[in-house]
PDB file of N, CA and C in Angstrom:
ATOM      1  N   ILE A   1      61.932 -69.526  -9.390  1.00  0.00           N
ATOM      2  CA  ILE A   1      62.690 -68.602  -9.300  1.00  0.00           C
ATOM      3  C   ILE A   1      63.848 -68.619  -8.350  1.00  0.00           C
ATOM      4  N   GLY A   2      63.673 -69.524  -6.433  1.00  0.00           N
ATOM      5  CA  GLY A   2      64.671 -69.212  -5.886  1.00  0.00           C
ATOM      6  C   GLY A   2      65.780 -70.183  -7.030  1.00  0.00           C
ATOM      7  N   LEU A   3      65.403 -71.535  -7.470  1.00  0.00           N
ATOM      8  CA  LEU A   3      66.543 -72.162  -7.917  1.00  0.00           C
ATOM      9  C   LEU A   3      67.492 -71.670  -9.782  1.00  0.00           C
ATOM     10  N   GLN A   4      66.609 -70.908  -9.601  1.00  0.00           N
ATOM     11  CA  GLN A   4      67.201 -70.172 -10.886  1.00  0.00           C
ATOM     12  C   GLN A   4      67.910 -68.970 -10.755  1.00  0.00           C
ATOM     13  N   ASN A   5      68.262 -68.293  -9.633  1.00  0.00           N
ATOM     14  CA  ASN A   5      68.873 -67.429  -9.327  1.00  0.00           C
ATOM     15  C   ASN A   5      70.161 -67.764  -8.385  1.00  0.00           C
ATOM     16  N   VAL A   6      70.681 -69.245  -8.195  1.00  0.00           N
ATOM     17  CA  VAL A   6      71.322 -69.873  -7.198  1.00  0.00           C
ATOM     18  C   VAL A   6      72.766 -69.503  -8.719  1.00  0.00           C
ATOM     19  N   PRO A   7      72.425 -70.017  -9.866  1.00  0.00           N
ATOM     20  CA  PRO A   7      73.399 -70.075 -10.828  1.00  0.00           C
ATOM     21  C   PRO A   7      73.777 -68.862 -11.721  1.00  0.00           C
ATOM     22  N   ASP A   8      72.309 -67.919 -11.091  1.00  0.00           N
ATOM     23  CA  ASP A   8      73.392 -66.670 -12.037  1.00  0.00           C
ATOM     24  C   ASP A   8      73.429 -65.937 -10.314  1.00  0.00           C
ATOM     25  N   GLY A   9      73.637 -66.125  -9.264  1.00  0.00           N
ATOM     26  CA  GLY A   9      74.500 -65.545  -8.827  1.00  0.00           C
ATOM     27  C   GLY A   9      75.563 -65.797  -8.187  1.00  0.00           C
ATOM     28  N   PHE A  10      76.426 -67.020  -9.068  1.00  0.00           N
ATOM     29  CA  PHE A  10      77.514 -67.937  -9.508  1.00  0.00           C
ATOM     30  C   PHE A  10      78.287 -66.986  -9.965  1.00  0.00           C
ATOM     31  N   ALA A  11      77.434 -66.359 -11.499  1.00  0.00           N
ATOM     32  CA  ALA A  11      77.793 -66.194 -12.474  1.00  0.00           C
ATOM     33  C   ALA A  11      77.953 -65.026 -12.715  1.00  0.00           C
ATOM     34  N   PHE A  12      77.117 -64.475 -11.398  1.00  0.00           N
ATOM     35  CA  PHE A  12      77.850 -62.861 -11.123  1.00  0.00           C
ATOM     36  C   PHE A  12      79.221 -62.888 -10.839  1.00  0.00           C
ATOM     37  N   ALA A  13      79.186 -63.297  -9.165  1.00  0.00           N
ATOM     38  CA  ALA A  13      80.297 -63.349  -8.055  1.00  0.00           C
ATOM     39  C   ALA A  13      81.386 -63.929  -8.633  1.00  0.00           C
ATOM     40  N   VAL A  14      81.644 -64.492  -9.356  1.00  0.00           N
ATOM     41  CA  VAL A  14      82.807 -64.765  -9.663  1.00  0.00           C
ATOM     42  C   VAL A  14      83.296 -64.242 -10.364  1.00  0.00           C
ATOM     43  N   PRO A  15      82.976 -63.795 -11.548  1.00  0.00           N
ATOM     44  CA  PRO A  15      83.710 -62.672 -11.825  1.00  0.00           C
ATOM     45  C   PRO A  15      84.367 -62.175 -11.403  1.00  0.00           C
ATOM     46  N   MET A  16      83.491 -61.611  -9.852  1.00  0.00           N
ATOM     47  CA  MET A  16      83.482 -60.424  -9.098  1.00  0.00           C
ATOM     48  C   MET A  16      85.122 -60.421  -8.046  1.00  0.00           C
ATOM     49  N   ALA A  17      84.663 -61.806  -7.623  1.00  0.00           N
ATOM     50  CA  ALA A  17      85.615 -62.186  -6.796  1.00  0.00           C
ATOM     51  C   ALA A  17      87.332 -62.443  -7.925  1.00  0.00           C
ATOM     52  N   ASP A  18      86.857 -62.734  -8.743  1.00  0.00           N
ATOM     53  CA  ASP A  18      88.162 -62.845  -9.278  1.00  0.00           C
ATOM     54  C   ASP A  18      89.174 -61.685  -9.746  1.00  0.00           C
ATOM     55  N   THR A  19      88.602 -60.602  -9.578  1.00  0.00           N
ATOM     56  CA  THR A  19      89.463 -58.794  -9.603  1.00  0.00           C
ATOM     57  C   THR A  19      89.476 -58.854  -8.543  1.00  0.00           C
ATOM     58  N   GLY A  20      89.705 -59.805  -7.333  1.00  0.00           N
ATOM     59  CA  GLY A  20      90.331 -59.472  -6.296  1.00  0.00           C
ATOM     60  C   GLY A  20      89.105 -58.440  -5.095  1.00  0.00           C
ATOM     61  N   MET A  21      87.975 -58.160  -5.141  1.00  0.00           N
ATOM     62  CA  MET A  21      87.196 -57.397  -4.585  1.00  0.00           C
ATOM     63  C   MET A  21      86.868 -58.246  -3.442  1.00  0.00           C
ATOM     64  N   SER A  22      86.664 -57.479  -2.346  1.00  0.00           N
ATOM     65  CA  SER A  22      86.167 -58.261  -0.954  1.00  0.00           C
ATOM     66  C   SER A  22      85.590 -59.053  -1.038  1.00  0.00           C
ATOM     67  N   ASN A  23      85.357 -60.395  -0.179  1.00  0.00           N
ATOM     68  CA  ASN A  23      83.859 -60.939  -0.340  1.00  0.00           C
ATOM     69  C   ASN A  23      83.061 -60.387   0.572  1.00  0.00           C
ATOM     70  N   ALA A  24      82.925 -59.497   0.879  1.00  0.00           N
ATOM     71  CA  ALA A  24      81.939 -58.904   2.110  1.00  0.00           C
ATOM     72  C   ALA A  24      81.213 -57.953   0.064  1.00  0.00           C
ATOM     73  N   ARG A  25      82.300 -57.240   0.445  1.00  0.00           N
ATOM     74  CA  ARG A  25      81.419 -56.500  -1.142  1.00  0.00           C
ATOM     75  C   ARG A  25      80.364 -57.438  -2.381  1.00  0.00           C
ATOM     76  N   VAL A  26      81.627 -58.726  -2.997  1.00  0.00           N
ATOM     77  CA  VAL A  26      80.977 -59.266  -3.589  1.00  0.00           C
ATOM     78  C   VAL A  26      79.997 -59.416  -3.233  1.00  0.00           C
ATOM     79  N   LEU A  27      79.339 -60.194  -2.039  1.00  0.00           N
ATOM     80  CA  LEU A  27      77.992 -60.771  -1.215  1.00  0.00           C
ATOM     81  C   LEU A  27      77.090 -60.129  -1.375  1.00  0.00           C
ATOM     82  N   TRP A  28      77.523 -58.130  -0.543  1.00  0.00           N
ATOM     83  CA  TRP A  28      76.611 -57.270  -0.811  1.00  0.00           C
ATOM     84  C   TRP A  28      76.381 -57.124  -2.725  1.00  0.00           C
ATOM     85  N   TYR A  29      77.020 -57.058  -3.553  1.00  0.00           N
ATOM     86  CA  TYR A  29      76.501 -56.647  -4.965  1.00  0.00           C
ATOM     87  C   TYR A  29      75.864 -57.732  -5.447  1.00  0.00           C
ATOM     88  N   THR A  30      76.178 -59.047  -5.144  1.00  0.00           N
ATOM     89  CA  THR A  30      75.404 -60.322  -5.764  1.00  0.00           C
ATOM     90  C   THR A  30      73.786 -59.988  -5.299  1.00  0.00           C
ATOM     91  N   THR A  31      73.909 -59.422  -3.819  1.00  0.00           N
ATOM     92  CA  THR A  31      72.555 -59.783  -3.210  1.00  0.00           C
ATOM     93  C   THR A  31      71.393 -58.427  -3.752  1.00  0.00           C
ATOM     94  N   LEU A  32      71.832 -57.713  -3.998  1.00  0.00           N
ATOM     95  CA  LEU A  32      71.356 -56.788  -4.486  1.00  0.00           C
ATOM     96  C   LEU A  32      71.336 -56.873  -6.176  1.00  0.00           C
ATOM     97  N   SER A  33      72.186 -57.928  -7.032  1.00  0.00           N
ATOM     98  CA  SER A  33      71.707 -57.754  -7.969  1.00  0.00           C
ATOM     99  C   SER A  33      70.314 -58.995  -8.261  1.00  0.00           C
ATOM    100  N   GLY A  34      70.373 -59.606  -6.962  1.00  0.00           N
ATOM    101  CA  GLY A  34      69.163 -60.552  -7.051  1.00  0.00           C
ATOM    102  C   GLY A  34      68.098 -59.853  -6.316  1.00  0.00           C
ATOM    103  N   VAL A  35      68.122 -59.300  -5.453  1.00  0.00           N
ATOM    104  CA  VAL A  35      66.803 -58.735  -4.897  1.00  0.00           C
ATOM    105  C   VAL A  35      66.133 -57.412  -5.779  1.00  0.00           C
ATOM    106  N   VAL A  36      66.884 -56.135  -6.186  1.00  0.00           N
ATOM    107  CA  VAL A  36      66.270 -55.372  -6.641  1.00  0.00           C
ATOM    108  C   VAL A  36      65.327 -55.751  -7.888  1.00  0.00           C
ATOM    109  N   PRO A  37      66.038 -56.406  -8.945  1.00  0.00           N
ATOM    110  CA  PRO A  37      65.113 -56.461 -10.057  1.00  0.00           C
ATOM    111  C   PRO A  37      63.857 -57.401  -9.725  1.00  0.00           C
ATOM    112  N   GLN A  38      63.793 -58.010  -8.753  1.00  0.00           N
ATOM    113  CA  GLN A  38      62.666 -59.078  -8.182  1.00  0.00           C
ATOM    114  C   GLN A  38      61.588 -58.118  -7.128  1.00  0.00           C
ATOM    115  N   VAL A  39      61.954 -57.246  -6.751  1.00  0.00           N
ATOM    116  CA  VAL A  39      60.696 -55.933  -5.494  1.00  0.00           C
ATOM    117  C   VAL A  39      60.458 -55.125  -7.081  1.00  0.00           C
ATOM    118  N   ALA A  40      61.478 -54.385  -8.222  1.00  0.00           N
ATOM    119  CA  ALA A  40      61.230 -54.133  -8.916  1.00  0.00           C
ATOM    120  C   ALA A  40      59.920 -54.702  -9.997  1.00  0.00           C
ATOM    121  N   ALA A  41      59.960 -55.537 -10.230  1.00  0.00           N
ATOM    122  CA  ALA A  41      59.392 -57.114 -10.958  1.00  0.00           C
ATOM    123  C   ALA A  41      57.705 -56.575 -10.050  1.00  0.00           C
ATOM    124  N   SER A  42      58.010 -57.488  -8.590  1.00  0.00           N
ATOM    125  CA  SER A  42      56.989 -57.239  -7.727  1.00  0.00           C
ATOM    126  C   SER A  42      55.652 -55.740  -7.633  1.00  0.00           C
ATOM    127  N   ALA A  43      56.704 -54.770  -8.046  1.00  0.00           N
ATOM    128  CA  ALA A  43      55.956 -53.705  -7.688  1.00  0.00           C
ATOM    129  C   ALA A  43      55.042 -53.095  -9.163  1.00  0.00           C
ATOM    130  N   PHE A  44      56.274 -53.764  -9.669  1.00  0.00           N
ATOM    131  CA  PHE A  44      55.096 -53.178 -11.709  1.00  0.00           C
ATOM    132  C   PHE A  44      53.852 -54.182 -11.725  1.00  0.00           C
ATOM    133  N   GLY A  45      54.199 -55.399 -10.941  1.00  0.00           N
ATOM    134  CA  GLY A  45      53.180 -56.376 -11.393  1.00  0.00           C
ATOM    135  C   GLY A  45      52.044 -55.951 -10.945  1.00  0.00           C
ATOM    136  N   PHE A  46      52.223 -55.593  -9.564  1.00  0.00           N
ATOM    137  CA  PHE A  46      50.977 -54.647  -8.229  1.00  0.00           C
ATOM    138  C   PHE A  46      50.043 -54.108  -9.216  1.00  0.00           C
ATOM    139  N   THR A  47      50.841 -52.602  -9.411  1.00  0.00           N
ATOM    140  CA  THR A  47      50.784 -51.714 -10.410  1.00  0.00           C
ATOM    141  C   THR A  47      49.461 -52.063 -10.989  1.00  0.00           C
ATOM    142  N   LEU A  48      49.955 -53.106 -12.148  1.00  0.00           N
ATOM    143  CA  LEU A  48      49.595 -53.469 -13.542  1.00  0.00           C
ATOM    144  C   LEU A  48      48.321 -53.484 -12.897  1.00  0.00           C
ATOM    145  N   VAL A  49      48.167 -54.680 -12.141  1.00  0.00           N
ATOM    146  CA  VAL A  49      47.258 -55.606 -12.089  1.00  0.00           C
ATOM    147  C   VAL A  49      46.036 -54.449 -10.680  1.00  0.00           C
ATOM    148  N   SER A  50      46.287 -53.600 -10.297  1.00  0.00           N
ATOM    149  CA  SER A  50      45.948 -52.759  -9.549  1.00  0.00           C
ATOM    150  C   SER A  50      45.283 -51.643 -10.866  1.00  0.00           C
ATOM    151  N   VAL A  51      45.688 -51.196 -12.171  1.00  0.00           N
ATOM    152  CA  VAL A  51      45.319 -50.812 -13.142  1.00  0.00           C
ATOM    153  C   VAL A  51      44.264 -51.644 -13.541  1.00  0.00           C
ATOM    154  N   ALA A  52      44.679 -52.743 -14.118  1.00  0.00           N
ATOM    155  CA  ALA A  52      43.404 -53.455 -15.048  1.00  0.00           C
ATOM    156  C   ALA A  52      42.742 -54.318 -14.680  1.00  0.00           C
ATOM    157  N   ALA A  53      42.501 -53.680 -13.136  1.00  0.00           N
ATOM    158  CA  ALA A  53      41.074 -54.749 -12.302  1.00  0.00           C
ATOM    159  C   ALA A  53      39.565 -53.999 -12.725  1.00  0.00           C
ATOM    160  N   GLY A  54      39.790 -52.962 -13.105  1.00  0.00           N
ATOM    161  CA  GLY A  54      39.097 -51.996 -14.488  1.00  0.00           C
ATOM    162  C   GLY A  54      38.267 -52.407 -15.167  1.00  0.00           C
ATOM    163  N   LEU A  55      40.270 -52.826 -15.937  1.00  0.00           N
ATOM    164  CA  LEU A  55      39.824 -53.381 -17.312  1.00  0.00           C
ATOM    165  C   LEU A  55      38.934 -54.306 -17.712  1.00  0.00           C
ATOM    166  N   PHE A  56      38.659 -55.225 -16.596  1.00  0.00           N
ATOM    167  CA  PHE A  56      38.773 -56.541 -16.190  1.00  0.00           C
ATOM    168  C   PHE A  56      37.000 -56.821 -16.924  1.00  0.00           C
ATOM    169  N   PRO A  57      35.961 -56.288 -16.307  1.00  0.00           N
ATOM    170  CA  PRO A  57      35.011 -56.511 -16.883  1.00  0.00           C
ATOM    171  C   PRO A  57      34.422 -56.185 -17.910  1.00  0.00           C
ATOM    172  N   VAL A  58      35.212 -55.183 -19.326  1.00  0.00           N
ATOM    173  CA  VAL A  58      34.930 -54.955 -20.487  1.00  0.00           C
ATOM    174  C   VAL A  58      35.743 -55.650 -21.262  1.00  0.00           C
ATOM    175  N   SER A  59      36.759 -55.908 -20.719  1.00  0.00           N
ATOM    176  CA  SER A  59      37.676 -57.550 -21.629  1.00  0.00           C
ATOM    177  C   SER A  59      36.894 -58.767 -21.167  1.00  0.00           C
ATOM    178  N   SER A  60      36.520 -59.279 -19.815  1.00  0.00           N
ATOM    179  CA  SER A  60      35.275 -60.040 -19.998  1.00  0.00           C
ATOM    180  C   SER A  60      34.620 -60.648 -21.004  1.00  0.00           C
ATOM    181  N   GLY A  61      33.066 -58.896 -21.353  1.00  0.00           N
ATOM    182  CA  GLY A  61      32.680 -58.702 -21.806  1.00  0.00           C
ATOM    183  C   GLY A  61      32.855 -58.832 -23.891  1.00  0.00           C
ATOM    184  N   PHE A  62      33.948 -58.321 -24.110  1.00  0.00           N
ATOM    185  CA  PHE A  62      34.329 -58.190 -25.203  1.00  0.00           C
ATOM    186  C   PHE A  62      34.748 -59.754 -25.753  1.00  0.00           C
ATOM    187  N   ALA A  63      35.723 -60.587 -24.864  1.00  0.00           N
ATOM    188  CA  ALA A  63      35.620 -62.118 -25.052  1.00  0.00           C
ATOM    189  C   ALA A  63      34.259 -62.624 -25.087  1.00  0.00           C
ATOM    190  N   ALA A  64      33.416 -62.722 -24.464  1.00  0.00           N
ATOM    191  CA  ALA A  64      32.843 -63.408 -24.461  1.00  0.00           C
ATOM    192  C   ALA A  64      31.715 -63.303 -26.018  1.00  0.00           C
ATOM    193  N   GLY A  65      31.651 -61.659 -26.681  1.00  0.00           N
ATOM    194  CA  GLY A  65      31.010 -61.540 -27.255  1.00  0.00           C
ATOM    195  C   GLY A  65      32.109 -62.165 -28.406  1.00  0.00           C
ATOM    196  N   ALA A  66      32.738 -62.264 -28.387  1.00  0.00           N
ATOM    197  CA  ALA A  66      33.661 -62.778 -29.538  1.00  0.00           C
ATOM    198  C   ALA A  66      33.457 -64.201 -29.942  1.00  0.00           C
ATOM    199  N   MET A  67      33.311 -65.352 -28.123  1.00  0.00           N
ATOM    200  CA  MET A  67      33.273 -66.414 -28.311  1.00  0.00           C
ATOM    201  C   MET A  67      31.552 -67.106 -28.878  1.00  0.00           C
ATOM    202  N   LEU A  68      30.432 -65.412 -28.866  1.00  0.00           N
ATOM    203  CA  LEU A  68      29.828 -66.059 -29.093  1.00  0.00           C
ATOM    204  C   LEU A  68      29.131 -65.765 -31.091  1.00  0.00           C
ATOM    205  N   ALA A  69      29.894 -64.502 -31.336  1.00  0.00           N
ATOM    206  CA  ALA A  69      30.306 -64.032 -32.786  1.00  0.00           C
ATOM    207  C   ALA A  69      30.806 -65.346 -33.687  1.00  0.00           C
ATOM    208  N   VAL A  70      31.753 -66.155 -32.933  1.00  0.00           N
ATOM    209  CA  VAL A  70      32.219 -67.748 -33.308  1.00  0.00           C
ATOM    210  C   VAL A  70      30.624 -69.006 -33.420  1.00  0.00           C
ATOM    211  N   VAL A  71      30.344 -68.723 -31.865  1.00  0.00           N
ATOM    212  CA  VAL A  71      29.566 -69.980 -32.172  1.00  0.00           C
ATOM    213  C   VAL A  71      28.148 -69.902 -33.369  1.00  0.00           C
ATOM    214  N   PHE A  72      27.752 -68.514 -32.889  1.00  0.00           N
ATOM    215  CA  PHE A  72      26.893 -68.159 -34.316  1.00  0.00           C
ATOM    216  C   PHE A  72      26.578 -67.934 -35.321  1.00  0.00           C
ATOM    217  N   ARG A  73      28.128 -68.112 -35.989  1.00  0.00           N
ATOM    218  CA  ARG A  73      28.025 -67.450 -37.301  1.00  0.00           C
ATOM    219  C   ARG A  73      28.190 -68.803 -38.148  1.00  0.00           C
TER     220      ARG A  73
END
C-alpha cells in the first residue's frame, strides 16, 4: 500500500505545485489526501468486523449446512 501511495502523491502534488501553490501547502494537502482515506477505511473496517463478529457463527453454520447438502445429494 505504501508503494502505491507514492505515484498517487506525485499525481496529486505536481498539478497543485504547477498552479503556484506554496510547497508547504502542497505537502499539507498531499499528506491529508493520503492519510484521511486510510484512517477512514481502517475505522470502517474495525466497525464492520466488530459488528460482523456476532454473525460469524451463524454464517459458518450456514456454510457447513450448504457443504453437507452438496455432499449428501
